[in-house]
PDB file of all heavy atoms in Angstrom:
ATOM      1  N   TYR A   1     118.887  91.865  89.538  1.00  0.00           N
ATOM      2  CA  TYR A   1     117.568  91.662  90.125  1.00  0.00           C
ATOM      3  C   TYR A   1     117.491  92.239  91.538  1.00  0.00           C
ATOM      4  O   TYR A   1     116.483  92.818  91.936  1.00  0.00           O
ATOM      5  CB  TYR A   1     117.207  90.175  90.133  1.00  0.00           C
ATOM      6  CG  TYR A   1     116.780  89.658  88.783  1.00  0.00           C
ATOM      7  CD1 TYR A   1     117.494  88.653  88.151  1.00  0.00           C
ATOM      8  CD2 TYR A   1     115.675  90.195  88.126  1.00  0.00           C
ATOM      9  CE1 TYR A   1     117.115  88.189  86.902  1.00  0.00           C
ATOM     10  CE2 TYR A   1     115.295  89.740  86.875  1.00  0.00           C
ATOM     11  CZ  TYR A   1     116.013  88.732  86.272  1.00  0.00           C
ATOM     12  OH  TYR A   1     115.638  88.287  85.029  1.00  0.00           O
ATOM     13  N   GLU A   2     118.565  92.095  92.306  1.00  0.00           N
ATOM     14  CA  GLU A   2     118.579  92.664  93.655  1.00  0.00           C
ATOM     15  C   GLU A   2     118.472  94.182  93.606  1.00  0.00           C
ATOM     16  O   GLU A   2     117.764  94.789  94.415  1.00  0.00           O
ATOM     17  CB  GLU A   2     119.841  92.220  94.385  1.00  0.00           C
ATOM     18  CG  GLU A   2     119.825  90.748  94.800  1.00  0.00           C
ATOM     19  CD  GLU A   2     121.099  90.335  95.503  1.00  0.00           C
ATOM     20  OE1 GLU A   2     121.958  91.224  95.726  1.00  0.00           O
ATOM     21  OE2 GLU A   2     121.229  89.144  95.816  1.00  0.00           O
ATOM     22  N   GLU A   3     119.172  94.794  92.671  1.00  0.00           N
ATOM     23  CA  GLU A   3     119.086  96.254  92.541  1.00  0.00           C
ATOM     24  C   GLU A   3     117.661  96.677  92.206  1.00  0.00           C
ATOM     25  O   GLU A   3     117.132  97.645  92.775  1.00  0.00           O
ATOM     26  CB  GLU A   3     120.058  96.735  91.456  1.00  0.00           C
ATOM     27  CG  GLU A   3     121.520  96.646  91.862  1.00  0.00           C
ATOM     28  CD  GLU A   3     122.449  96.916  90.682  1.00  0.00           C
ATOM     29  OE1 GLU A   3     121.931  97.217  89.577  1.00  0.00           O
ATOM     30  OE2 GLU A   3     123.682  96.813  90.862  1.00  0.00           O
ATOM     31  N   GLN A   4     117.047  95.969  91.265  1.00  0.00           N
ATOM     32  CA  GLN A   4     115.678  96.281  90.893  1.00  0.00           C
ATOM     33  C   GLN A   4     114.717  96.068  92.071  1.00  0.00           C
ATOM     34  O   GLN A   4     113.814  96.878  92.305  1.00  0.00           O
ATOM     35  CB  GLN A   4     115.244  95.400  89.716  1.00  0.00           C
ATOM     36  CG  GLN A   4     115.972  95.673  88.411  1.00  0.00           C
ATOM     37  CD  GLN A   4     115.557  96.995  87.798  1.00  0.00           C
ATOM     38  OE1 GLN A   4     114.368  97.239  87.566  1.00  0.00           O
ATOM     39  NE2 GLN A   4     116.525  97.857  87.540  1.00  0.00           N
ATOM     40  N   ALA A   5     114.932  94.980  92.804  1.00  0.00           N
ATOM     41  CA  ALA A   5     114.059  94.690  93.947  1.00  0.00           C
ATOM     42  C   ALA A   5     114.187  95.761  95.019  1.00  0.00           C
ATOM     43  O   ALA A   5     113.177  96.237  95.558  1.00  0.00           O
ATOM     44  CB  ALA A   5     114.409  93.318  94.525  1.00  0.00           C
ATOM     45  N   ARG A   6     115.423  96.152  95.317  1.00  0.00           N
ATOM     46  CA  ARG A   6     115.627  97.171  96.354  1.00  0.00           C
ATOM     47  C   ARG A   6     115.123  98.535  95.901  1.00  0.00           C
ATOM     48  O   ARG A   6     114.780  99.377  96.732  1.00  0.00           O
ATOM     49  CB  ARG A   6     117.106  97.234  96.737  1.00  0.00           C
ATOM     50  CG  ARG A   6     117.550  95.998  97.514  1.00  0.00           C
ATOM     51  CD  ARG A   6     118.923  96.163  98.152  1.00  0.00           C
ATOM     52  NE  ARG A   6     119.167  95.071  99.073  1.00  0.00           N
ATOM     53  CZ  ARG A   6     119.671  93.892  98.731  1.00  0.00           C
ATOM     54  NH1 ARG A   6     120.007  93.655  97.473  1.00  0.00           N
ATOM     55  NH2 ARG A   6     119.845  92.943  99.635  1.00  0.00           N
ATOM     56  N   ALA A   7     115.052  98.743  94.588  1.00  0.00           N
ATOM     57  CA  ALA A   7     114.508 100.003  94.073  1.00  0.00           C
ATOM     58  C   ALA A   7     112.987 100.003  94.096  1.00  0.00           C
ATOM     59  O   ALA A   7     112.369 101.016  93.791  1.00  0.00           O
ATOM     60  CB  ALA A   7     115.009 100.241  92.651  1.00  0.00           C
ATOM     61  N   GLY A   8     112.379  98.849  94.436  1.00  0.00           N
ATOM     62  CA  GLY A   8     110.933  98.811  94.607  1.00  0.00           C
ATOM     63  C   GLY A   8     110.154  98.116  93.516  1.00  0.00           C
ATOM     64  O   GLY A   8     108.919  98.168  93.514  1.00  0.00           O
ATOM     65  N   ASN A   9     110.833  97.425  92.610  1.00  0.00           N
ATOM     66  CA  ASN A   9     110.123  96.731  91.541  1.00  0.00           C
ATOM     67  C   ASN A   9     109.514  95.443  92.093  1.00  0.00           C
ATOM     68  O   ASN A   9     110.227  94.535  92.508  1.00  0.00           O
ATOM     69  CB  ASN A   9     111.082  96.417  90.390  1.00  0.00           C
ATOM     70  CG  ASN A   9     110.353  95.867  89.180  1.00  0.00           C
ATOM     71  OD1 ASN A   9     109.735  94.820  89.246  1.00  0.00           O
ATOM     72  ND2 ASN A   9     110.436  96.588  88.070  1.00  0.00           N
ATOM     73  N   ALA A  10     108.184  95.374  92.091  1.00  0.00           N
ATOM     74  CA  ALA A  10     107.496  94.253  92.731  1.00  0.00           C
ATOM     75  C   ALA A  10     107.804  92.921  92.061  1.00  0.00           C
ATOM     76  O   ALA A  10     107.977  91.904  92.732  1.00  0.00           O
ATOM     77  CB  ALA A  10     105.984  94.501  92.743  1.00  0.00           C
ATOM     78  N   LYS A  11     107.871  92.910  90.726  1.00  0.00           N
ATOM     79  CA  LYS A  11     108.167  91.648  90.042  1.00  0.00           C
ATOM     80  C   LYS A  11     109.576  91.163  90.349  1.00  0.00           C
ATOM     81  O   LYS A  11     109.828  89.968  90.493  1.00  0.00           O
ATOM     82  CB  LYS A  11     107.961  91.806  88.536  1.00  0.00           C
ATOM     83  CG  LYS A  11     106.499  91.881  88.129  1.00  0.00           C
ATOM     84  CD  LYS A  11     106.350  91.838  86.620  1.00  0.00           C
ATOM     85  CE  LYS A  11     104.875  91.814  86.221  1.00  0.00           C
ATOM     86  NZ  LYS A  11     104.707  91.759  84.748  1.00  0.00           N
ATOM     87  N   ALA A  12     110.513  92.100  90.448  1.00  0.00           N
ATOM     88  CA  ALA A  12     111.873  91.722  90.823  1.00  0.00           C
ATOM     89  C   ALA A  12     111.915  91.198  92.251  1.00  0.00           C
ATOM     90  O   ALA A  12     112.636  90.248  92.554  1.00  0.00           O
ATOM     91  CB  ALA A  12     112.812  92.916  90.663  1.00  0.00           C
ATOM     92  N   GLN A  13     111.143  91.808  93.136  1.00  0.00           N
ATOM     93  CA  GLN A  13     111.075  91.332  94.517  1.00  0.00           C
ATOM     94  C   GLN A  13     110.535  89.900  94.572  1.00  0.00           C
ATOM     95  O   GLN A  13     111.041  89.055  95.302  1.00  0.00           O
ATOM     96  CB  GLN A  13     110.206  92.270  95.344  1.00  0.00           C
ATOM     97  CG  GLN A  13     110.829  93.633  95.564  1.00  0.00           C
ATOM     98  CD  GLN A  13     109.858  94.658  96.113  1.00  0.00           C
ATOM     99  OE1 GLN A  13     108.645  94.462  96.075  1.00  0.00           O
ATOM    100  NE2 GLN A  13     110.386  95.761  96.608  1.00  0.00           N
ATOM    101  N   PHE A  14     109.502  89.649  93.769  1.00  0.00           N
ATOM    102  CA  PHE A  14     108.937  88.305  93.711  1.00  0.00           C
ATOM    103  C   PHE A  14     109.960  87.306  93.196  1.00  0.00           C
ATOM    104  O   PHE A  14     110.148  86.222  93.765  1.00  0.00           O
ATOM    105  CB  PHE A  14     107.700  88.321  92.812  1.00  0.00           C
ATOM    106  CG  PHE A  14     107.152  86.959  92.504  1.00  0.00           C
ATOM    107  CD1 PHE A  14     106.584  86.186  93.505  1.00  0.00           C
ATOM    108  CD2 PHE A  14     107.189  86.453  91.224  1.00  0.00           C
ATOM    109  CE1 PHE A  14     106.069  84.925  93.226  1.00  0.00           C
ATOM    110  CE2 PHE A  14     106.675  85.202  90.926  1.00  0.00           C
ATOM    111  CZ  PHE A  14     106.113  84.431  91.933  1.00  0.00           C
ATOM    112  N   LEU A  15     110.658  87.654  92.124  1.00  0.00           N
ATOM    113  CA  LEU A  15     111.651  86.746  91.564  1.00  0.00           C
ATOM    114  C   LEU A  15     112.801  86.520  92.528  1.00  0.00           C
ATOM    115  O   LEU A  15     113.324  85.403  92.643  1.00  0.00           O
ATOM    116  CB  LEU A  15     112.167  87.287  90.239  1.00  0.00           C
ATOM    117  CG  LEU A  15     113.093  86.342  89.473  1.00  0.00           C
ATOM    118  CD1 LEU A  15     112.378  85.044  89.116  1.00  0.00           C
ATOM    119  CD2 LEU A  15     113.625  87.006  88.222  1.00  0.00           C
ATOM    120  N   LEU A  16     113.186  87.558  93.252  1.00  0.00           N
ATOM    121  CA  LEU A  16     114.247  87.404  94.239  1.00  0.00           C
ATOM    122  C   LEU A  16     113.786  86.466  95.359  1.00  0.00           C
ATOM    123  O   LEU A  16     114.550  85.641  95.855  1.00  0.00           O
ATOM    124  CB  LEU A  16     114.630  88.773  94.811  1.00  0.00           C
ATOM    125  CG  LEU A  16     115.925  88.848  95.620  1.00  0.00           C
ATOM    126  CD1 LEU A  16     117.112  88.322  94.826  1.00  0.00           C
ATOM    127  CD2 LEU A  16     116.181  90.291  96.062  1.00  0.00           C
ATOM    128  N   GLY A  17     112.510  86.580  95.747  1.00  0.00           N
ATOM    129  CA  GLY A  17     111.964  85.643  96.717  1.00  0.00           C
ATOM    130  C   GLY A  17     112.028  84.212  96.215  1.00  0.00           C
ATOM    131  O   GLY A  17     112.406  83.294  96.960  1.00  0.00           O
ATOM    132  N   LEU A  18     111.674  84.001  94.951  1.00  0.00           N
ATOM    133  CA  LEU A  18     111.763  82.660  94.366  1.00  0.00           C
ATOM    134  C   LEU A  18     113.198  82.138  94.395  1.00  0.00           C
ATOM    135  O   LEU A  18     113.434  80.965  94.689  1.00  0.00           O
ATOM    136  CB  LEU A  18     111.262  82.674  92.924  1.00  0.00           C
ATOM    137  CG  LEU A  18     109.761  82.714  92.685  1.00  0.00           C
ATOM    138  CD1 LEU A  18     109.486  82.828  91.192  1.00  0.00           C
ATOM    139  CD2 LEU A  18     109.071  81.482  93.243  1.00  0.00           C
ATOM    140  N   SER A  19     114.149  83.004  94.082  1.00  0.00           N
ATOM    141  CA  SER A  19     115.542  82.573  94.055  1.00  0.00           C
ATOM    142  C   SER A  19     116.014  82.168  95.444  1.00  0.00           C
ATOM    143  O   SER A  19     116.763  81.199  95.604  1.00  0.00           O
ATOM    144  CB  SER A  19     116.439  83.675  93.484  1.00  0.00           C
ATOM    145  OG  SER A  19     116.627  84.723  94.409  1.00  0.00           O
ATOM    146  N   HIS A  20     115.576  82.879  96.478  1.00  0.00           N
ATOM    147  CA  HIS A  20     115.909  82.495  97.850  1.00  0.00           C
ATOM    148  C   HIS A  20     115.217  81.187  98.227  1.00  0.00           C
ATOM    149  O   HIS A  20     115.816  80.318  98.863  1.00  0.00           O
ATOM    150  CB  HIS A  20     115.490  83.598  98.825  1.00  0.00           C
ATOM    151  CG  HIS A  20     116.475  84.730  98.911  1.00  0.00           C
ATOM    152  ND1 HIS A  20     117.732  84.585  99.450  1.00  0.00           N
ATOM    153  CD2 HIS A  20     116.372  86.032  98.539  1.00  0.00           C
ATOM    154  CE1 HIS A  20     118.362  85.743  99.417  1.00  0.00           C
ATOM    155  NE2 HIS A  20     117.565  86.640  98.854  1.00  0.00           N
ATOM    156  N   GLU A  21     113.958  81.066  97.848  1.00  0.00           N
ATOM    157  CA  GLU A  21     113.205  79.855  98.220  1.00  0.00           C
ATOM    158  C   GLU A  21     113.820  78.604  97.589  1.00  0.00           C
ATOM    159  O   GLU A  21     113.893  77.551  98.231  1.00  0.00           O
ATOM    160  CB  GLU A  21     111.751  79.989  97.768  1.00  0.00           C
ATOM    161  CG  GLU A  21     110.901  78.778  98.102  1.00  0.00           C
ATOM    162  CD  GLU A  21     109.472  78.909  97.614  1.00  0.00           C
ATOM    163  OE1 GLU A  21     109.106  79.968  97.081  1.00  0.00           O
ATOM    164  OE2 GLU A  21     108.707  77.935  97.749  1.00  0.00           O
ATOM    165  N   GLN A  22     114.289  78.715  96.354  1.00  0.00           N
ATOM    166  CA  GLN A  22     114.767  77.550  95.635  1.00  0.00           C
ATOM    167  C   GLN A  22     116.287  77.404  95.647  1.00  0.00           C
ATOM    168  O   GLN A  22     116.827  76.478  95.043  1.00  0.00           O
ATOM    169  CB  GLN A  22     114.244  77.594  94.196  1.00  0.00           C
ATOM    170  CG  GLN A  22     112.721  77.567  94.147  1.00  0.00           C
ATOM    171  CD  GLN A  22     112.186  77.397  92.745  1.00  0.00           C
ATOM    172  OE1 GLN A  22     112.909  77.016  91.833  1.00  0.00           O
ATOM    173  NE2 GLN A  22     110.908  77.671  92.571  1.00  0.00           N
ATOM    174  N   GLY A  23     116.958  78.303  96.343  1.00  0.00           N
ATOM    175  CA  GLY A  23     118.410  78.176  96.465  1.00  0.00           C
ATOM    176  C   GLY A  23     119.142  78.414  95.161  1.00  0.00           C
ATOM    177  O   GLY A  23     120.077  77.673  94.831  1.00  0.00           O
ATOM    178  N   LEU A  24     118.766  79.441  94.432  1.00  0.00           N
ATOM    179  CA  LEU A  24     119.397  79.729  93.140  1.00  0.00           C
ATOM    180  C   LEU A  24     120.485  80.795  93.243  1.00  0.00           C
ATOM    181  O   LEU A  24     120.863  81.397  92.258  1.00  0.00           O
ATOM    182  CB  LEU A  24     118.330  80.186  92.136  1.00  0.00           C
ATOM    183  CG  LEU A  24     117.205  79.205  91.862  1.00  0.00           C
ATOM    184  CD1 LEU A  24     116.255  79.775  90.813  1.00  0.00           C
ATOM    185  CD2 LEU A  24     117.756  77.873  91.388  1.00  0.00           C
ATOM    186  N   ARG A  25     120.975  81.017  94.447  1.00  0.00           N
ATOM    187  CA  ARG A  25     121.944  82.094  94.651  1.00  0.00           C
ATOM    188  C   ARG A  25     123.311  81.557  95.040  1.00  0.00           C
ATOM    189  O   ARG A  25     124.112  82.247  95.636  1.00  0.00           O
ATOM    190  CB  ARG A  25     121.424  83.039  95.740  1.00  0.00           C
ATOM    191  CG  ARG A  25     120.052  83.634  95.439  1.00  0.00           C
ATOM    192  CD  ARG A  25     119.444  84.281  96.665  1.00  0.00           C
ATOM    193  NE  ARG A  25     120.360  85.220  97.283  1.00  0.00           N
ATOM    194  CZ  ARG A  25     120.601  86.433  96.811  1.00  0.00           C
ATOM    195  NH1 ARG A  25     120.002  86.852  95.725  1.00  0.00           N
ATOM    196  NH2 ARG A  25     121.441  87.225  97.427  1.00  0.00           N
ATOM    197  N   GLY A  26     123.590  80.303  94.710  1.00  0.00           N
ATOM    198  CA  GLY A  26     124.864  79.713  95.094  1.00  0.00           C
ATOM    199  C   GLY A  26     124.935  79.425  96.574  1.00  0.00           C
ATOM    200  O   GLY A  26     126.025  79.307  97.132  1.00  0.00           O
ATOM    201  N   ALA A  27     123.777  79.333  97.224  1.00  0.00           N
ATOM    202  CA  ALA A  27     123.727  79.051  98.660  1.00  0.00           C
ATOM    203  C   ALA A  27     122.506  78.177  98.926  1.00  0.00           C
ATOM    204  O   ALA A  27     121.702  77.910  98.036  1.00  0.00           O
ATOM    205  CB  ALA A  27     123.631  80.352  99.463  1.00  0.00           C
ATOM    206  N   GLU A  28     122.385  77.745 100.169  1.00  0.00           N
ATOM    207  CA  GLU A  28     121.227  76.945 100.547  1.00  0.00           C
ATOM    208  C   GLU A  28     119.950  77.797 100.464  1.00  0.00           C
ATOM    209  O   GLU A  28     120.006  79.013 100.616  1.00  0.00           O
ATOM    210  CB  GLU A  28     121.397  76.419 101.975  1.00  0.00           C
ATOM    211  CG  GLU A  28     122.490  75.358 102.122  1.00  0.00           C
ATOM    212  CD  GLU A  28     122.191  74.114 101.321  1.00  0.00           C
ATOM    213  OE1 GLU A  28     121.048  73.609 101.402  1.00  0.00           O
ATOM    214  OE2 GLU A  28     123.087  73.645 100.598  1.00  0.00           O
ATOM    215  N   PRO A  29     118.814  77.147 100.216  1.00  0.00           N
ATOM    216  CA  PRO A  29     117.545  77.900 100.240  1.00  0.00           C
ATOM    217  C   PRO A  29     117.377  78.646 101.559  1.00  0.00           C
ATOM    218  O   PRO A  29     117.787  78.158 102.616  1.00  0.00           O
ATOM    219  CB  PRO A  29     116.495  76.801 100.086  1.00  0.00           C
ATOM    220  CG  PRO A  29     117.195  75.704  99.357  1.00  0.00           C
ATOM    221  CD  PRO A  29     118.614  75.730  99.868  1.00  0.00           C
ATOM    222  N   ASP A  30     116.793  79.812 101.486  1.00  0.00           N
ATOM    223  CA  ASP A  30     116.607  80.662 102.665  1.00  0.00           C
ATOM    224  C   ASP A  30     115.141  81.085 102.714  1.00  0.00           C
ATOM    225  O   ASP A  30     114.732  82.056 102.074  1.00  0.00           O
ATOM    226  CB  ASP A  30     117.517  81.884 102.575  1.00  0.00           C
ATOM    227  CG  ASP A  30     117.552  82.708 103.853  1.00  0.00           C
ATOM    228  OD1 ASP A  30     116.553  82.662 104.611  1.00  0.00           O
ATOM    229  OD2 ASP A  30     118.550  83.406 104.092  1.00  0.00           O
ATOM    230  N   ALA A  31     114.343  80.335 103.484  1.00  0.00           N
ATOM    231  CA  ALA A  31     112.908  80.593 103.540  1.00  0.00           C
ATOM    232  C   ALA A  31     112.596  81.937 104.175  1.00  0.00           C
ATOM    233  O   ALA A  31     111.612  82.593 103.810  1.00  0.00           O
ATOM    234  CB  ALA A  31     112.207  79.466 104.311  1.00  0.00           C
ATOM    235  N   THR A  32     113.429  82.366 105.121  1.00  0.00           N
ATOM    236  CA  THR A  32     113.183  83.647 105.790  1.00  0.00           C
ATOM    237  C   THR A  32     113.333  84.808 104.818  1.00  0.00           C
ATOM    238  O   THR A  32     112.484  85.713 104.756  1.00  0.00           O
ATOM    239  CB  THR A  32     114.136  83.819 106.982  1.00  0.00           C
ATOM    240  OG1 THR A  32     113.928  82.745 107.911  1.00  0.00           O
ATOM    241  CG2 THR A  32     113.898  85.147 107.684  1.00  0.00           C
ATOM    242  N   GLU A  33     114.421  84.793 104.042  1.00  0.00           N
ATOM    243  CA  GLU A  33     114.619  85.848 103.049  1.00  0.00           C
ATOM    244  C   GLU A  33     113.556  85.781 101.958  1.00  0.00           C
ATOM    245  O   GLU A  33     113.081  86.812 101.466  1.00  0.00           O
ATOM    246  CB  GLU A  33     116.015  85.739 102.432  1.00  0.00           C
ATOM    247  CG  GLU A  33     117.100  86.434 103.222  1.00  0.00           C
ATOM    248  CD  GLU A  33     116.874  87.941 103.284  1.00  0.00           C
ATOM    249  OE1 GLU A  33     117.095  88.628 102.273  1.00  0.00           O
ATOM    250  OE2 GLU A  33     116.465  88.437 104.348  1.00  0.00           O
ATOM    251  N   ALA A  34     113.178  84.563 101.582  1.00  0.00           N
ATOM    252  CA  ALA A  34     112.135  84.418 100.567  1.00  0.00           C
ATOM    253  C   ALA A  34     110.843  85.078 101.039  1.00  0.00           C
ATOM    254  O   ALA A  34     110.212  85.851 100.304  1.00  0.00           O
ATOM    255  CB  ALA A  34     111.892  82.937 100.276  1.00  0.00           C
ATOM    256  N   ALA A  35     110.458  84.797 102.271  1.00  0.00           N
ATOM    257  CA  ALA A  35     109.224  85.373 102.812  1.00  0.00           C
ATOM    258  C   ALA A  35     109.312  86.889 102.901  1.00  0.00           C
ATOM    259  O   ALA A  35     108.322  87.594 102.652  1.00  0.00           O
ATOM    260  CB  ALA A  35     108.921  84.774 104.181  1.00  0.00           C
ATOM    261  N   ARG A  36     110.491  87.383 103.244  1.00  0.00           N
ATOM    262  CA  ARG A  36     110.661  88.833 103.355  1.00  0.00           C
ATOM    263  C   ARG A  36     110.427  89.509 102.009  1.00  0.00           C
ATOM    264  O   ARG A  36     109.721  90.520 101.930  1.00  0.00           O
ATOM    265  CB  ARG A  36     112.077  89.157 103.859  1.00  0.00           C
ATOM    266  CG  ARG A  36     112.313  90.642 104.118  1.00  0.00           C
ATOM    267  CD  ARG A  36     113.637  90.844 104.828  1.00  0.00           C
ATOM    268  NE  ARG A  36     114.763  90.737 103.935  1.00  0.00           N
ATOM    269  CZ  ARG A  36     115.269  91.745 103.206  1.00  0.00           C
ATOM    270  NH1 ARG A  36     114.699  92.943 103.261  1.00  0.00           N
ATOM    271  NH2 ARG A  36     116.316  91.580 102.440  1.00  0.00           N
ATOM    272  N   TRP A  37     110.971  88.946 100.936  1.00  0.00           N
ATOM    273  CA  TRP A  37     110.793  89.555  99.621  1.00  0.00           C
ATOM    274  C   TRP A  37     109.384  89.328  99.085  1.00  0.00           C
ATOM    275  O   TRP A  37     108.819  90.209  98.411  1.00  0.00           O
ATOM    276  CB  TRP A  37     111.850  89.033  98.648  1.00  0.00           C
ATOM    277  CG  TRP A  37     113.199  89.621  98.915  1.00  0.00           C
ATOM    278  CD1 TRP A  37     114.291  88.997  99.438  1.00  0.00           C
ATOM    279  CD2 TRP A  37     113.584  90.985  98.705  1.00  0.00           C
ATOM    280  NE1 TRP A  37     115.341  89.876  99.560  1.00  0.00           N
ATOM    281  CE2 TRP A  37     114.937  91.107  99.119  1.00  0.00           C
ATOM    282  CE3 TRP A  37     112.935  92.111  98.217  1.00  0.00           C
ATOM    283  CZ2 TRP A  37     115.628  92.310  99.052  1.00  0.00           C
ATOM    284  CZ3 TRP A  37     113.628  93.318  98.146  1.00  0.00           C
ATOM    285  CH2 TRP A  37     114.958  93.405  98.563  1.00  0.00           C
ATOM    286  N   TYR A  38     108.814  88.186  99.387  1.00  0.00           N
ATOM    287  CA  TYR A  38     107.418  87.963  98.981  1.00  0.00           C
ATOM    288  C   TYR A  38     106.505  89.008  99.618  1.00  0.00           C
ATOM    289  O   TYR A  38     105.586  89.527  98.979  1.00  0.00           O
ATOM    290  CB  TYR A  38     106.948  86.569  99.383  1.00  0.00           C
ATOM    291  CG  TYR A  38     107.527  85.441  98.578  1.00  0.00           C
ATOM    292  CD1 TYR A  38     107.764  84.201  99.164  1.00  0.00           C
ATOM    293  CD2 TYR A  38     107.834  85.600  97.222  1.00  0.00           C
ATOM    294  CE1 TYR A  38     108.288  83.145  98.425  1.00  0.00           C
ATOM    295  CE2 TYR A  38     108.363  84.552  96.486  1.00  0.00           C
ATOM    296  CZ  TYR A  38     108.588  83.329  97.088  1.00  0.00           C
ATOM    297  OH  TYR A  38     109.099  82.280  96.363  1.00  0.00           O
ATOM    298  N   ARG A  39     106.767  89.310 100.889  1.00  0.00           N
ATOM    299  CA  ARG A  39     105.922  90.295 101.574  1.00  0.00           C
ATOM    300  C   ARG A  39     106.033  91.669 100.918  1.00  0.00           C
ATOM    301  O   ARG A  39     105.031  92.364 100.741  1.00  0.00           O
ATOM    302  CB  ARG A  39     106.290  90.372 103.059  1.00  0.00           C
ATOM    303  CG  ARG A  39     105.362  91.304 103.850  1.00  0.00           C
ATOM    304  CD  ARG A  39     105.734  91.356 105.319  1.00  0.00           C
ATOM    305  NE  ARG A  39     105.491  90.111 105.994  1.00  0.00           N
ATOM    306  CZ  ARG A  39     104.305  89.712 106.459  1.00  0.00           C
ATOM    307  NH1 ARG A  39     103.240  90.475 106.294  1.00  0.00           N
ATOM    308  NH2 ARG A  39     104.189  88.562 107.088  1.00  0.00           N
ATOM    309  N   LYS A  40     107.256  92.050 100.562  1.00  0.00           N
ATOM    310  CA  LYS A  40     107.439  93.356  99.929  1.00  0.00           C
ATOM    311  C   LYS A  40     106.640  93.433  98.616  1.00  0.00           C
ATOM    312  O   LYS A  40     105.979  94.441  98.334  1.00  0.00           O
ATOM    313  CB  LYS A  40     108.924  93.616  99.674  1.00  0.00           C
ATOM    314  CG  LYS A  40     109.728  93.936 100.937  1.00  0.00           C
ATOM    315  CD  LYS A  40     111.186  94.185 100.594  1.00  0.00           C
ATOM    316  CE  LYS A  40     112.000  94.516 101.843  1.00  0.00           C
ATOM    317  NZ  LYS A  40     111.578  95.796 102.458  1.00  0.00           N
ATOM    318  N   ALA A  41     106.726  92.365  97.819  1.00  0.00           N
ATOM    319  CA  ALA A  41     105.984  92.362  96.559  1.00  0.00           C
ATOM    320  C   ALA A  41     104.484  92.250  96.800  1.00  0.00           C
ATOM    321  O   ALA A  41     103.682  92.877  96.099  1.00  0.00           O
ATOM    322  CB  ALA A  41     106.469  91.211  95.677  1.00  0.00           C
TER     323      ALA A  41
END
């Protein structure tokens, strides 16, 4: 998903934002990264 998002796929960027917002990456939620990917999408 990160590869797709960095390649410019808007839906992947949105999903990556969701994963950051909800902490689905094996780490604490990251609202800053979530907002960054939401903006790109």
